[in-house]
Amino acid sequence: MTEYEKMLKGMIYDPNDEEIMKLQTPFISRLSEYNSAPRSDGEAHQRYLREVFCECGSNCWIEPPFYANWGGAHVHVGDNFYANFNLTLVDDGHIYIGDNVLIGPNVTIATANHPIDPSLRRRALQYNRDVRIGNNVWIGAGTVIVPGVTIGDDAVIGALSVVTRDIPPKTVAVGNPCRVLREIGEHDRKYYYKDDETDWGEI
């Protein structure tokens, strides 16, 4: 079995394998296209997302600079996706992002992991676990999402959280490690911020 085949199966593999590097390097090189294109050249950015990402829905935007181990080649994004500056996707494994997802600045989503055993780490070996983010999720600024995590639909992840375990749907979760603070309910429909009421007639 080749190292690339091991990579695809989620097994321990050598990420510096010649075949893997040959496949990965063009994606990393092409990422400069996205980051160097003027903010006003939306077509250049959209073309990159359509051509490089595994899947990219309509109305998607990532503020440059944007970083990804495979340039986004293992990323699946739904409709109405927005990510603010300095999004980092460690996309050696696959990252699945649903519809209507908002990501704050300086967020990292990682699929690559390294064995705890030092003899394996000395050989720079790794393995990957996919990350899944549901629909209508908001991920606050500075959040880190580690390999293998699933975040359920409608969840909110507070700023500077480190998400090390699955987060249920329709919950607010915060902290390091990230834990569920509460469920999302009628209070959130009535108040959009603290005691500030939502005027549904004006929206």
N, C-alpha and C. Protein backbone atom coordinates (compact mmCIF):
# COMPACT_ATOMS: atom_id res chain seq x y z
N MET A 1 0.84 -1.19 0.00
CA MET A 1 0.00 0.00 0.00
C MET A 1 0.89 1.25 0.00
N THR A 2 0.58 2.19 -0.86
CA THR A 2 1.38 3.41 -0.93
C THR A 2 1.04 4.34 0.23
N GLU A 3 1.92 5.32 0.47
CA GLU A 3 1.67 6.28 1.53
C GLU A 3 0.42 7.11 1.23
N TYR A 4 0.20 7.41 -0.04
CA TYR A 4 -0.99 8.17 -0.42
C TYR A 4 -2.26 7.36 -0.15
N GLU A 5 -2.22 6.06 -0.43
CA GLU A 5 -3.38 5.21 -0.13
C GLU A 5 -3.63 5.15 1.37
N LYS A 6 -2.55 5.09 2.16
CA LYS A 6 -2.71 5.13 3.62
C LYS A 6 -3.35 6.44 4.06
N MET A 7 -2.92 7.52 3.45
CA MET A 7 -3.48 8.84 3.76
C MET A 7 -4.99 8.85 3.52
N LEU A 8 -5.42 8.33 2.40
CA LEU A 8 -6.84 8.33 2.05
C LEU A 8 -7.66 7.46 2.99
N LYS A 9 -7.03 6.43 3.57
CA LYS A 9 -7.74 5.51 4.45
C LYS A 9 -7.70 5.94 5.92
N GLY A 10 -7.05 7.07 6.22
CA GLY A 10 -6.98 7.53 7.60
C GLY A 10 -5.96 6.78 8.44
N MET A 11 -5.02 6.11 7.79
CA MET A 11 -3.98 5.37 8.49
C MET A 11 -2.78 6.27 8.75
N ILE A 12 -1.85 5.81 9.58
CA ILE A 12 -0.60 6.53 9.79
C ILE A 12 0.20 6.48 8.50
N TYR A 13 0.73 7.65 8.09
CA TYR A 13 1.45 7.71 6.83
C TYR A 13 2.53 8.78 6.90
N ASP A 14 3.36 8.81 5.89
CA ASP A 14 4.44 9.78 5.79
C ASP A 14 4.01 10.93 4.88
N PRO A 15 3.71 12.11 5.43
CA PRO A 15 3.24 13.22 4.59
C PRO A 15 4.32 13.79 3.67
N ASN A 16 5.58 13.41 3.92
CA ASN A 16 6.67 13.88 3.07
C ASN A 16 7.01 12.89 1.96
N ASP A 17 6.17 11.90 1.79
CA ASP A 17 6.35 10.92 0.71
C ASP A 17 6.39 11.64 -0.65
N GLU A 18 7.24 11.16 -1.54
CA GLU A 18 7.45 11.82 -2.82
C GLU A 18 6.17 11.94 -3.64
N GLU A 19 5.35 10.88 -3.67
CA GLU A 19 4.11 10.92 -4.44
C GLU A 19 3.15 11.96 -3.85
N ILE A 20 3.05 12.01 -2.53
CA ILE A 20 2.16 12.96 -1.87
C ILE A 20 2.62 14.39 -2.14
N MET A 21 3.91 14.63 -2.00
CA MET A 21 4.43 15.98 -2.23
C MET A 21 4.19 16.43 -3.67
N LYS A 22 4.31 15.49 -4.60
CA LYS A 22 4.09 15.81 -6.01
C LYS A 22 2.64 16.23 -6.25
N LEU A 23 1.71 15.60 -5.55
CA LEU A 23 0.30 15.95 -5.68
C LEU A 23 -0.05 17.23 -4.93
N GLN A 24 0.57 17.44 -3.79
CA GLN A 24 0.20 18.55 -2.90
C GLN A 24 0.79 19.88 -3.34
N THR A 25 2.03 19.86 -3.80
CA THR A 25 2.75 21.11 -4.08
C THR A 25 2.04 22.04 -5.05
N PRO A 26 1.45 21.55 -6.16
CA PRO A 26 0.76 22.48 -7.06
C PRO A 26 -0.41 23.22 -6.40
N PHE A 27 -1.10 22.55 -5.48
CA PHE A 27 -2.21 23.22 -4.79
C PHE A 27 -1.69 24.33 -3.88
N ILE A 28 -0.59 24.05 -3.16
CA ILE A 28 -0.02 25.06 -2.29
C ILE A 28 0.47 26.25 -3.12
N SER A 29 1.09 25.96 -4.25
CA SER A 29 1.59 27.02 -5.11
C SER A 29 0.44 27.88 -5.66
N ARG A 30 -0.64 27.22 -6.02
CA ARG A 30 -1.76 27.94 -6.63
C ARG A 30 -2.49 28.82 -5.62
N LEU A 31 -2.36 28.51 -4.34
CA LEU A 31 -3.05 29.29 -3.32
C LEU A 31 -2.64 30.76 -3.37
N SER A 32 -1.43 31.01 -3.86
CA SER A 32 -0.98 32.41 -3.97
C SER A 32 -1.86 33.19 -4.95
N GLU A 33 -2.49 32.48 -5.90
CA GLU A 33 -3.41 33.15 -6.82
C GLU A 33 -4.55 33.81 -6.05
N TYR A 34 -5.08 33.07 -5.09
CA TYR A 34 -6.22 33.58 -4.32
C TYR A 34 -5.81 34.78 -3.49
N ASN A 35 -4.68 34.64 -2.80
CA ASN A 35 -4.28 35.68 -1.86
C ASN A 35 -3.73 36.93 -2.53
N SER A 36 -3.22 36.80 -3.75
CA SER A 36 -2.66 37.95 -4.43
C SER A 36 -3.67 38.69 -5.31
N ALA A 37 -4.81 38.05 -5.60
CA ALA A 37 -5.83 38.70 -6.43
C ALA A 37 -6.43 39.88 -5.67
N PRO A 38 -6.65 41.02 -6.32
CA PRO A 38 -7.25 42.17 -5.64
C PRO A 38 -8.63 41.83 -5.09
N ARG A 39 -8.97 42.45 -3.97
CA ARG A 39 -10.29 42.23 -3.35
C ARG A 39 -11.41 42.51 -4.34
N SER A 40 -11.16 43.45 -5.27
CA SER A 40 -12.18 43.83 -6.25
C SER A 40 -12.36 42.79 -7.36
N ASP A 41 -11.39 41.86 -7.49
CA ASP A 41 -11.46 40.85 -8.56
C ASP A 41 -12.17 39.61 -8.03
N GLY A 42 -13.46 39.76 -7.79
CA GLY A 42 -14.23 38.65 -7.23
C GLY A 42 -14.24 37.43 -8.12
N GLU A 43 -14.18 37.62 -9.43
CA GLU A 43 -14.21 36.48 -10.34
C GLU A 43 -12.99 35.59 -10.16
N ALA A 44 -11.82 36.19 -9.93
CA ALA A 44 -10.61 35.39 -9.71
C ALA A 44 -10.75 34.53 -8.46
N HIS A 45 -11.31 35.11 -7.42
CA HIS A 45 -11.50 34.34 -6.18
C HIS A 45 -12.53 33.23 -6.38
N GLN A 46 -13.63 33.55 -7.05
CA GLN A 46 -14.66 32.54 -7.28
C GLN A 46 -14.15 31.41 -8.16
N ARG A 47 -13.37 31.76 -9.16
CA ARG A 47 -12.81 30.74 -10.05
C ARG A 47 -11.93 29.76 -9.27
N TYR A 48 -11.12 30.30 -8.37
CA TYR A 48 -10.27 29.44 -7.55
C TYR A 48 -11.11 28.48 -6.71
N LEU A 49 -12.12 29.00 -6.05
CA LEU A 49 -12.95 28.16 -5.19
C LEU A 49 -13.65 27.07 -6.00
N ARG A 50 -14.14 27.43 -7.19
CA ARG A 50 -14.85 26.44 -8.03
C ARG A 50 -13.89 25.37 -8.55
N GLU A 51 -12.69 25.76 -8.90
CA GLU A 51 -11.76 24.84 -9.55
C GLU A 51 -10.96 23.99 -8.57
N VAL A 52 -10.71 24.50 -7.38
CA VAL A 52 -9.83 23.80 -6.44
C VAL A 52 -10.61 23.02 -5.38
N PHE A 53 -11.64 23.61 -4.80
CA PHE A 53 -12.38 22.94 -3.75
C PHE A 53 -13.07 21.69 -4.29
N CYS A 54 -13.21 20.67 -3.45
CA CYS A 54 -13.97 19.47 -3.83
C CYS A 54 -15.39 19.86 -4.23
N GLU A 55 -16.01 20.69 -3.40
CA GLU A 55 -17.36 21.19 -3.65
C GLU A 55 -17.42 22.63 -3.15
N CYS A 56 -18.10 23.47 -3.90
CA CYS A 56 -18.29 24.85 -3.47
C CYS A 56 -19.64 25.33 -3.98
N GLY A 57 -20.53 25.66 -3.05
CA GLY A 57 -21.86 26.10 -3.42
C GLY A 57 -21.87 27.54 -3.92
N SER A 58 -23.05 28.12 -3.99
CA SER A 58 -23.19 29.50 -4.46
C SER A 58 -23.00 30.48 -3.32
N ASN A 59 -22.57 31.70 -3.68
CA ASN A 59 -22.42 32.79 -2.73
C ASN A 59 -21.44 32.44 -1.61
N CYS A 60 -20.24 32.04 -2.00
CA CYS A 60 -19.18 31.70 -1.05
C CYS A 60 -18.05 32.71 -1.13
N TRP A 61 -17.52 33.06 0.02
CA TRP A 61 -16.42 34.03 0.05
C TRP A 61 -15.51 33.77 1.24
N ILE A 62 -14.21 33.80 0.98
CA ILE A 62 -13.19 33.72 2.03
C ILE A 62 -12.32 34.95 1.90
N GLU A 63 -12.25 35.75 2.95
CA GLU A 63 -11.41 36.94 2.91
C GLU A 63 -9.93 36.52 2.87
N PRO A 64 -9.17 37.04 1.92
CA PRO A 64 -7.74 36.76 1.95
C PRO A 64 -7.06 37.58 3.05
N PRO A 65 -5.98 37.08 3.64
CA PRO A 65 -5.29 35.85 3.27
C PRO A 65 -5.99 34.61 3.82
N PHE A 66 -5.87 33.55 3.05
CA PHE A 66 -6.46 32.25 3.34
C PHE A 66 -5.35 31.21 3.19
N TYR A 67 -5.30 30.26 4.11
CA TYR A 67 -4.24 29.25 4.10
C TYR A 67 -4.83 27.85 4.16
N ALA A 68 -4.24 26.93 3.41
CA ALA A 68 -4.71 25.54 3.44
C ALA A 68 -3.59 24.62 2.98
N ASN A 69 -3.42 23.51 3.70
CA ASN A 69 -2.34 22.56 3.38
C ASN A 69 -2.42 22.03 1.96
N TRP A 70 -3.65 21.80 1.49
CA TRP A 70 -3.86 21.32 0.12
C TRP A 70 -4.60 22.37 -0.70
N GLY A 71 -4.53 23.60 -0.29
CA GLY A 71 -5.16 24.69 -1.03
C GLY A 71 -6.67 24.67 -1.01
N GLY A 72 -7.26 23.76 -0.21
CA GLY A 72 -8.71 23.60 -0.20
C GLY A 72 -9.18 22.43 -1.05
N ALA A 73 -8.25 21.63 -1.56
CA ALA A 73 -8.61 20.53 -2.46
C ALA A 73 -9.41 19.42 -1.77
N HIS A 74 -9.40 19.41 -0.45
CA HIS A 74 -10.17 18.40 0.30
C HIS A 74 -11.30 19.06 1.10
N VAL A 75 -11.77 20.21 0.61
CA VAL A 75 -12.80 20.98 1.32
C VAL A 75 -14.11 20.95 0.55
N HIS A 76 -15.20 20.73 1.28
CA HIS A 76 -16.56 20.71 0.72
C HIS A 76 -17.36 21.81 1.40
N VAL A 77 -17.85 22.77 0.64
CA VAL A 77 -18.55 23.92 1.21
C VAL A 77 -19.92 24.05 0.56
N GLY A 78 -20.94 24.33 1.37
CA GLY A 78 -22.29 24.53 0.85
C GLY A 78 -22.54 25.95 0.39
N ASP A 79 -23.79 26.34 0.32
CA ASP A 79 -24.18 27.68 -0.13
C ASP A 79 -24.02 28.71 1.00
N ASN A 80 -23.86 29.98 0.59
CA ASN A 80 -23.86 31.12 1.52
C ASN A 80 -22.84 30.95 2.64
N PHE A 81 -21.61 30.73 2.23
CA PHE A 81 -20.50 30.54 3.17
C PHE A 81 -19.65 31.79 3.22
N TYR A 82 -19.35 32.25 4.43
CA TYR A 82 -18.46 33.41 4.58
C TYR A 82 -17.43 33.12 5.67
N ALA A 83 -16.15 33.36 5.33
CA ALA A 83 -15.07 33.24 6.31
C ALA A 83 -14.27 34.53 6.30
N ASN A 84 -13.98 35.05 7.47
CA ASN A 84 -13.23 36.28 7.61
C ASN A 84 -11.72 36.01 7.46
N PHE A 85 -10.90 37.05 7.69
CA PHE A 85 -9.47 36.98 7.42
C PHE A 85 -8.75 35.87 8.18
N ASN A 86 -7.70 35.34 7.54
CA ASN A 86 -6.77 34.39 8.17
C ASN A 86 -7.42 33.05 8.51
N LEU A 87 -8.30 32.57 7.67
CA LEU A 87 -8.80 31.21 7.84
C LEU A 87 -7.69 30.24 7.48
N THR A 88 -7.44 29.27 8.36
CA THR A 88 -6.46 28.22 8.11
C THR A 88 -7.16 26.87 8.11
N LEU A 89 -7.07 26.17 6.99
CA LEU A 89 -7.65 24.84 6.86
C LEU A 89 -6.53 23.83 6.68
N VAL A 90 -6.35 22.99 7.67
CA VAL A 90 -5.36 21.91 7.56
C VAL A 90 -6.10 20.74 6.92
N ASP A 91 -6.18 20.80 5.58
CA ASP A 91 -7.09 19.92 4.85
C ASP A 91 -6.38 18.70 4.25
N ASP A 92 -5.51 18.08 5.04
CA ASP A 92 -4.94 16.80 4.61
C ASP A 92 -6.05 15.75 4.57
N GLY A 93 -6.96 15.81 5.52
CA GLY A 93 -8.21 15.06 5.46
C GLY A 93 -9.29 15.96 4.90
N HIS A 94 -10.52 15.48 4.90
CA HIS A 94 -11.63 16.24 4.32
C HIS A 94 -12.32 17.10 5.37
N ILE A 95 -12.73 18.29 4.94
CA ILE A 95 -13.49 19.21 5.77
C ILE A 95 -14.82 19.46 5.08
N TYR A 96 -15.92 19.15 5.78
CA TYR A 96 -17.27 19.31 5.23
C TYR A 96 -17.95 20.46 5.96
N ILE A 97 -18.38 21.47 5.21
CA ILE A 97 -19.02 22.65 5.77
C ILE A 97 -20.37 22.83 5.09
N GLY A 98 -21.44 22.97 5.88
CA GLY A 98 -22.79 23.03 5.33
C GLY A 98 -23.16 24.40 4.79
N ASP A 99 -24.46 24.63 4.65
CA ASP A 99 -24.99 25.90 4.13
C ASP A 99 -25.05 26.95 5.24
N ASN A 100 -24.94 28.23 4.84
CA ASN A 100 -25.17 29.36 5.74
C ASN A 100 -24.25 29.34 6.95
N VAL A 101 -22.97 29.04 6.70
CA VAL A 101 -21.98 28.99 7.78
C VAL A 101 -21.17 30.28 7.78
N LEU A 102 -20.97 30.85 8.97
CA LEU A 102 -20.18 32.05 9.17
C LEU A 102 -18.97 31.71 10.03
N ILE A 103 -17.79 32.15 9.58
CA ILE A 103 -16.56 31.89 10.33
C ILE A 103 -15.85 33.21 10.58
N GLY A 104 -15.52 33.48 11.84
CA GLY A 104 -14.84 34.70 12.21
C GLY A 104 -13.37 34.68 11.81
N PRO A 105 -12.65 35.78 12.07
CA PRO A 105 -11.23 35.84 11.70
C PRO A 105 -10.36 34.92 12.56
N ASN A 106 -9.23 34.53 11.97
CA ASN A 106 -8.19 33.77 12.70
C ASN A 106 -8.69 32.43 13.23
N VAL A 107 -9.48 31.74 12.43
CA VAL A 107 -9.99 30.42 12.80
C VAL A 107 -9.13 29.34 12.14
N THR A 108 -8.87 28.27 12.87
CA THR A 108 -8.14 27.11 12.34
C THR A 108 -9.01 25.88 12.43
N ILE A 109 -9.14 25.17 11.30
CA ILE A 109 -9.84 23.88 11.27
C ILE A 109 -8.83 22.84 10.80
N ALA A 110 -8.50 21.89 11.65
CA ALA A 110 -7.42 20.93 11.37
C ALA A 110 -7.95 19.51 11.26
N THR A 111 -7.47 18.80 10.26
CA THR A 111 -7.78 17.37 10.13
C THR A 111 -6.56 16.50 10.39
N ALA A 112 -5.37 17.08 10.35
CA ALA A 112 -4.14 16.29 10.50
C ALA A 112 -3.75 16.17 11.96
N ASN A 113 -3.32 14.98 12.34
CA ASN A 113 -2.92 14.72 13.72
C ASN A 113 -1.63 13.91 13.70
N HIS A 114 -0.93 13.92 14.83
CA HIS A 114 0.33 13.17 14.94
C HIS A 114 0.24 12.20 16.11
N PRO A 115 0.83 11.02 15.97
CA PRO A 115 0.80 10.05 17.07
C PRO A 115 1.46 10.61 18.33
N ILE A 116 0.98 10.17 19.47
CA ILE A 116 1.56 10.59 20.75
C ILE A 116 2.92 9.95 20.96
N ASP A 117 3.10 8.73 20.48
CA ASP A 117 4.36 8.01 20.67
C ASP A 117 5.51 8.80 20.03
N PRO A 118 6.55 9.14 20.80
CA PRO A 118 7.63 9.98 20.27
C PRO A 118 8.42 9.33 19.15
N SER A 119 8.53 8.02 19.16
CA SER A 119 9.31 7.37 18.09
C SER A 119 8.62 7.53 16.74
N LEU A 120 7.29 7.58 16.74
CA LEU A 120 6.56 7.81 15.49
C LEU A 120 6.64 9.27 15.08
N ARG A 121 6.59 10.17 16.07
CA ARG A 121 6.67 11.59 15.73
C ARG A 121 8.05 11.99 15.23
N ARG A 122 9.08 11.31 15.70
CA ARG A 122 10.41 11.60 15.19
C ARG A 122 10.51 11.33 13.69
N ARG A 123 9.66 10.46 13.21
CA ARG A 123 9.63 10.14 11.77
C ARG A 123 8.65 11.04 11.02
N ALA A 124 8.08 12.04 11.74
CA ALA A 124 7.16 13.03 11.16
C ALA A 124 5.93 12.39 10.54
N LEU A 125 5.49 11.26 11.13
CA LEU A 125 4.31 10.59 10.62
C LEU A 125 3.04 11.28 11.11
N GLN A 126 1.97 11.09 10.39
CA GLN A 126 0.69 11.66 10.79
C GLN A 126 -0.47 10.79 10.33
N TYR A 127 -1.67 11.16 10.78
CA TYR A 127 -2.90 10.53 10.31
C TYR A 127 -3.96 11.62 10.29
N ASN A 128 -5.04 11.40 9.56
CA ASN A 128 -6.06 12.44 9.38
C ASN A 128 -7.43 11.95 9.82
N ARG A 129 -8.20 12.88 10.36
CA ARG A 129 -9.58 12.61 10.70
C ARG A 129 -10.45 13.77 10.19
N ASP A 130 -11.48 13.45 9.44
CA ASP A 130 -12.33 14.47 8.82
C ASP A 130 -13.04 15.32 9.87
N VAL A 131 -13.33 16.56 9.50
CA VAL A 131 -14.11 17.48 10.33
C VAL A 131 -15.41 17.79 9.60
N ARG A 132 -16.50 17.83 10.34
CA ARG A 132 -17.82 18.10 9.76
C ARG A 132 -18.50 19.25 10.51
N ILE A 133 -18.93 20.24 9.76
CA ILE A 133 -19.62 21.40 10.32
C ILE A 133 -20.97 21.51 9.64
N GLY A 134 -22.04 21.52 10.42
CA GLY A 134 -23.39 21.46 9.88
C GLY A 134 -23.86 22.78 9.28
N ASN A 135 -25.15 22.87 9.02
CA ASN A 135 -25.77 24.06 8.45
C ASN A 135 -25.99 25.13 9.53
N ASN A 136 -25.97 26.40 9.10
CA ASN A 136 -26.31 27.54 9.97
C ASN A 136 -25.44 27.63 11.21
N VAL A 137 -24.17 27.28 11.07
CA VAL A 137 -23.24 27.33 12.19
C VAL A 137 -22.47 28.64 12.16
N TRP A 138 -22.24 29.22 13.33
CA TRP A 138 -21.40 30.41 13.46
C TRP A 138 -20.22 30.03 14.35
N ILE A 139 -19.00 30.24 13.81
CA ILE A 139 -17.78 29.93 14.54
C ILE A 139 -17.07 31.25 14.85
N GLY A 140 -16.92 31.55 16.13
CA GLY A 140 -16.36 32.83 16.55
C GLY A 140 -14.87 32.96 16.29
N ALA A 141 -14.39 34.19 16.34
CA ALA A 141 -13.00 34.52 16.05
C ALA A 141 -12.02 33.75 16.92
N GLY A 142 -10.91 33.33 16.30
CA GLY A 142 -9.84 32.70 17.03
C GLY A 142 -10.08 31.27 17.47
N THR A 143 -11.14 30.65 16.97
CA THR A 143 -11.47 29.28 17.35
C THR A 143 -10.54 28.29 16.67
N VAL A 144 -10.25 27.21 17.38
CA VAL A 144 -9.50 26.08 16.82
C VAL A 144 -10.38 24.84 16.90
N ILE A 145 -10.53 24.16 15.76
CA ILE A 145 -11.31 22.92 15.69
C ILE A 145 -10.35 21.80 15.35
N VAL A 146 -10.27 20.79 16.20
CA VAL A 146 -9.27 19.74 16.05
C VAL A 146 -9.81 18.58 15.22
N PRO A 147 -8.93 17.68 14.78
CA PRO A 147 -9.34 16.58 13.91
C PRO A 147 -10.45 15.71 14.49
N GLY A 148 -11.37 15.29 13.61
CA GLY A 148 -12.40 14.33 13.97
C GLY A 148 -13.66 14.91 14.57
N VAL A 149 -13.73 16.23 14.73
CA VAL A 149 -14.87 16.87 15.40
C VAL A 149 -16.04 17.05 14.43
N THR A 150 -17.26 16.90 14.96
CA THR A 150 -18.49 17.24 14.24
C THR A 150 -19.22 18.32 15.03
N ILE A 151 -19.64 19.38 14.33
CA ILE A 151 -20.43 20.45 14.94
C ILE A 151 -21.81 20.42 14.31
N GLY A 152 -22.85 20.29 15.13
CA GLY A 152 -24.21 20.11 14.64
C GLY A 152 -24.83 21.37 14.08
N ASP A 153 -25.93 21.19 13.35
CA ASP A 153 -26.65 22.30 12.74
C ASP A 153 -27.03 23.36 13.78
N ASP A 154 -26.98 24.64 13.35
CA ASP A 154 -27.46 25.78 14.14
C ASP A 154 -26.62 26.08 15.38
N ALA A 155 -25.49 25.42 15.54
CA ALA A 155 -24.65 25.66 16.73
C ALA A 155 -23.88 26.98 16.60
N VAL A 156 -23.53 27.55 17.75
CA VAL A 156 -22.68 28.74 17.83
C VAL A 156 -21.47 28.37 18.69
N ILE A 157 -20.28 28.63 18.15
CA ILE A 157 -19.05 28.38 18.88
C ILE A 157 -18.46 29.73 19.27
N GLY A 158 -18.29 29.95 20.58
CA GLY A 158 -17.80 31.23 21.06
C GLY A 158 -16.36 31.49 20.66
N ALA A 159 -16.00 32.78 20.60
CA ALA A 159 -14.65 33.18 20.22
C ALA A 159 -13.59 32.54 21.12
N LEU A 160 -12.45 32.22 20.52
CA LEU A 160 -11.28 31.67 21.20
C LEU A 160 -11.52 30.28 21.79
N SER A 161 -12.53 29.58 21.31
CA SER A 161 -12.78 28.22 21.78
C SER A 161 -11.81 27.23 21.13
N VAL A 162 -11.55 26.15 21.84
CA VAL A 162 -10.79 25.03 21.28
C VAL A 162 -11.73 23.82 21.30
N VAL A 163 -12.19 23.44 20.11
CA VAL A 163 -13.23 22.42 20.00
C VAL A 163 -12.57 21.05 19.86
N THR A 164 -12.63 20.27 20.93
CA THR A 164 -11.96 18.97 20.97
C THR A 164 -12.93 17.80 20.94
N ARG A 165 -14.23 18.09 20.99
CA ARG A 165 -15.24 17.03 20.98
C ARG A 165 -16.44 17.51 20.17
N ASP A 166 -17.33 16.58 19.83
CA ASP A 166 -18.51 16.92 19.04
C ASP A 166 -19.41 17.89 19.80
N ILE A 167 -20.03 18.81 19.05
CA ILE A 167 -20.94 19.79 19.62
C ILE A 167 -22.34 19.52 19.08
N PRO A 168 -23.34 19.36 19.96
CA PRO A 168 -24.70 19.05 19.50
C PRO A 168 -25.33 20.20 18.73
N PRO A 169 -26.36 19.91 17.94
CA PRO A 169 -27.09 20.97 17.23
C PRO A 169 -27.76 21.93 18.19
N LYS A 170 -27.99 23.17 17.70
CA LYS A 170 -28.78 24.19 18.42
C LYS A 170 -28.28 24.44 19.83
N THR A 171 -26.95 24.56 19.96
CA THR A 171 -26.36 24.88 21.26
C THR A 171 -25.34 25.99 21.09
N VAL A 172 -25.10 26.70 22.19
CA VAL A 172 -23.99 27.65 22.28
C VAL A 172 -22.90 26.95 23.08
N ALA A 173 -21.71 26.87 22.50
CA ALA A 173 -20.59 26.19 23.16
C ALA A 173 -19.38 27.11 23.17
N VAL A 174 -18.67 27.14 24.28
CA VAL A 174 -17.54 28.05 24.44
C VAL A 174 -16.45 27.40 25.27
N GLY A 175 -15.24 27.97 25.18
CA GLY A 175 -14.18 27.64 26.11
C GLY A 175 -13.08 26.76 25.55
N ASN A 176 -12.12 26.49 26.44
CA ASN A 176 -10.98 25.63 26.13
C ASN A 176 -10.78 24.67 27.30
N PRO A 177 -11.19 23.39 27.11
CA PRO A 177 -11.84 22.84 25.92
C PRO A 177 -13.28 23.33 25.80
N CYS A 178 -13.77 23.37 24.57
CA CYS A 178 -15.11 23.89 24.29
C CYS A 178 -16.18 22.98 24.88
N ARG A 179 -17.10 23.60 25.64
CA ARG A 179 -18.20 22.85 26.27
C ARG A 179 -19.52 23.57 25.98
N VAL A 180 -20.59 22.79 25.97
CA VAL A 180 -21.91 23.37 25.74
C VAL A 180 -22.29 24.25 26.92
N LEU A 181 -22.64 25.51 26.60
CA LEU A 181 -23.07 26.46 27.62
C LEU A 181 -24.57 26.38 27.84
N ARG A 182 -25.32 26.31 26.72
CA ARG A 182 -26.77 26.25 26.81
C ARG A 182 -27.35 25.91 25.45
N GLU A 183 -28.64 25.60 25.44
CA GLU A 183 -29.35 25.39 24.19
C GLU A 183 -29.81 26.73 23.64
N ILE A 184 -30.01 26.77 22.33
CA ILE A 184 -30.55 27.95 21.67
C ILE A 184 -32.07 27.82 21.66
N GLY A 185 -32.77 28.89 22.10
CA GLY A 185 -34.23 28.80 22.21
C GLY A 185 -34.94 30.13 22.01
N GLU A 186 -36.10 30.27 22.64
CA GLU A 186 -36.95 31.46 22.46
C GLU A 186 -36.27 32.74 22.93
N HIS A 187 -35.46 32.64 23.97
CA HIS A 187 -34.75 33.83 24.45
C HIS A 187 -33.91 34.44 23.34
N ASP A 188 -33.28 33.59 22.55
CA ASP A 188 -32.42 34.07 21.47
C ASP A 188 -33.23 34.65 20.32
N ARG A 189 -34.47 34.21 20.20
CA ARG A 189 -35.34 34.80 19.19
C ARG A 189 -35.81 36.18 19.62
N LYS A 190 -36.00 36.37 20.92
CA LYS A 190 -36.50 37.65 21.43
C LYS A 190 -35.38 38.69 21.53
N TYR A 191 -34.19 38.26 21.97
CA TYR A 191 -33.08 39.18 22.19
C TYR A 191 -31.91 38.80 21.27
N TYR A 192 -31.43 39.77 20.51
CA TYR A 192 -30.30 39.48 19.64
C TYR A 192 -28.96 39.73 20.33
N TYR A 193 -28.99 40.55 21.43
CA TYR A 193 -27.77 40.80 22.20
C TYR A 193 -28.16 41.28 23.58
N LYS A 194 -27.82 40.50 24.60
CA LYS A 194 -28.13 40.85 25.99
C LYS A 194 -29.60 41.25 26.12
N ASP A 195 -29.88 42.55 26.47
CA ASP A 195 -31.27 42.99 26.64
C ASP A 195 -31.81 43.72 25.42
N ASP A 196 -31.10 43.66 24.30
CA ASP A 196 -31.54 44.33 23.08
C ASP A 196 -32.51 43.42 22.33
N GLU A 197 -33.76 43.87 22.22
CA GLU A 197 -34.80 43.04 21.61
C GLU A 197 -34.76 43.10 20.09
N THR A 198 -35.05 41.99 19.46
CA THR A 198 -35.14 41.92 18.01
C THR A 198 -36.48 42.48 17.56
N ASP A 199 -36.44 43.47 16.69
CA ASP A 199 -37.67 44.04 16.12
C ASP A 199 -37.94 43.32 14.80
N TRP A 200 -38.71 42.24 14.90
CA TRP A 200 -38.94 41.40 13.73
C TRP A 200 -39.68 42.15 12.60
N GLY A 201 -40.42 43.19 12.97
CA GLY A 201 -41.13 43.97 11.95
C GLY A 201 -40.21 44.83 11.10
N GLU A 202 -39.00 45.10 11.61
CA GLU A 202 -38.05 45.96 10.89
C GLU A 202 -37.00 45.16 10.13
N ILE A 203 -36.99 43.86 10.30
CA ILE A 203 -35.95 43.03 9.66
C ILE A 203 -36.45 42.54 8.30
